[in-house]
Protein backbone atom coordinates (compact mmCIF):
# COMPACT_ATOMS: atom_id res chain seq x y z
CA UNK A 1 -33.24 0.14 -4.59
CA UNK A 2 -36.98 -0.13 -4.24
CA UNK A 3 -38.98 -1.46 -7.15
CA UNK A 4 -41.15 1.68 -7.25
CA UNK A 5 -38.06 3.88 -7.66
CA UNK A 6 -36.74 1.67 -10.45
CA UNK A 7 -40.07 1.83 -12.25
CA UNK A 8 -40.02 5.65 -12.00
CA UNK A 9 -36.49 5.71 -13.43
CA UNK A 10 -37.53 3.50 -16.32
CA UNK A 11 -40.57 5.66 -17.11
CA UNK A 12 -38.46 8.82 -16.98
CA UNK A 13 -35.84 7.39 -19.33
CA UNK A 14 -38.57 6.19 -21.70
CA UNK A 15 -40.15 9.67 -21.74
CA UNK A 16 -36.75 11.24 -22.38
CA UNK A 17 -36.19 8.83 -25.28
CA UNK A 18 -39.66 9.43 -26.73
CA UNK A 19 -39.55 13.23 -26.51
CA UNK A 20 -36.08 13.67 -28.04
CA UNK A 21 -36.03 10.60 -30.32
CA UNK A 22 -35.80 12.60 -33.55
CA UNK A 23 -32.94 14.76 -32.27
CA UNK A 24 -30.71 12.00 -30.94
CA UNK A 25 -27.83 10.14 -32.47
CA UNK A 26 -28.34 6.40 -33.05
CA UNK A 27 -25.64 5.54 -30.51
CA UNK A 28 -27.36 7.61 -27.81
CA UNK A 29 -30.68 5.93 -28.57
CA UNK A 30 -29.01 2.53 -28.41
CA UNK A 31 -27.46 3.36 -25.04
CA UNK A 32 -30.79 4.55 -23.67
CA UNK A 33 -32.44 1.36 -24.88
CA UNK A 34 -29.70 -0.75 -23.29
CA UNK A 35 -30.05 1.04 -19.95
CA UNK A 36 -33.85 0.77 -19.98
CA UNK A 37 -33.61 -2.91 -20.85
CA UNK A 38 -31.05 -3.50 -18.11
CA UNK A 39 -33.19 -1.76 -15.50
CA UNK A 40 -36.19 -3.87 -16.53
CA UNK A 41 -34.07 -7.01 -16.08
CA UNK A 42 -33.08 -5.83 -12.60
CA UNK A 43 -36.76 -5.57 -11.66
CA UNK A 44 -37.65 -8.93 -13.20
CA UNK A 45 -34.68 -10.95 -11.96
CA UNK A 46 -33.51 -9.07 -8.87
CA UNK A 47 -30.02 -8.54 -10.31
CA UNK A 48 -27.13 -7.58 -8.05
CA UNK A 49 -26.48 -4.12 -6.61
CA UNK A 50 -23.22 -3.96 -8.59
CA UNK A 51 -25.10 -4.23 -11.87
CA UNK A 52 -27.63 -1.67 -10.67
CA UNK A 53 -24.83 0.76 -9.85
CA UNK A 54 -23.31 0.26 -13.28
CA UNK A 55 -26.68 0.85 -14.95
CA UNK A 56 -27.17 3.99 -12.86
CA UNK A 57 -23.87 5.38 -14.07
CA UNK A 58 -24.73 4.51 -17.67
CA UNK A 59 -28.14 6.20 -17.27
CA UNK A 60 -26.53 9.40 -16.00
CA UNK A 61 -24.06 9.38 -18.90
CA UNK A 62 -26.89 8.87 -21.41
CA UNK A 63 -28.90 11.71 -19.88
CA UNK A 64 -25.81 13.90 -20.09
CA UNK A 65 -25.45 13.11 -23.80
CA UNK A 66 -29.12 13.91 -24.45
CA UNK A 67 -28.89 17.24 -22.64
CA UNK A 68 -25.70 18.12 -24.48
CA UNK A 69 -27.11 17.25 -27.91
CA UNK A 70 -30.42 19.02 -27.34
CA UNK A 71 -28.79 22.16 -25.97
CA UNK A 72 -26.32 22.25 -28.89
CA UNK A 73 -29.20 21.93 -31.36
CA UNK A 74 -31.10 24.74 -29.67
CA UNK A 75 -27.99 26.94 -29.81
CA UNK A 76 -27.62 26.25 -33.52
CA UNK A 77 -31.24 27.16 -34.16
CA UNK A 78 -30.86 30.62 -32.63
């Protein structure tokens, strides 16, 4: 994956974390932090494609959790 694409992914995950920080469970925040940290290591150390694929899957799962939690909170507030 190109470095520019990885940097965009990192920025997007950081924005997601920052916007919904107060609404997220500690485990979701920890997972987001772990994924962001892992992606930064990939950029810095040119980690393997296998690790990048694993981080991509973890990122998608974390985004899914954020969307689920935020949408459940919005439903409760109605």
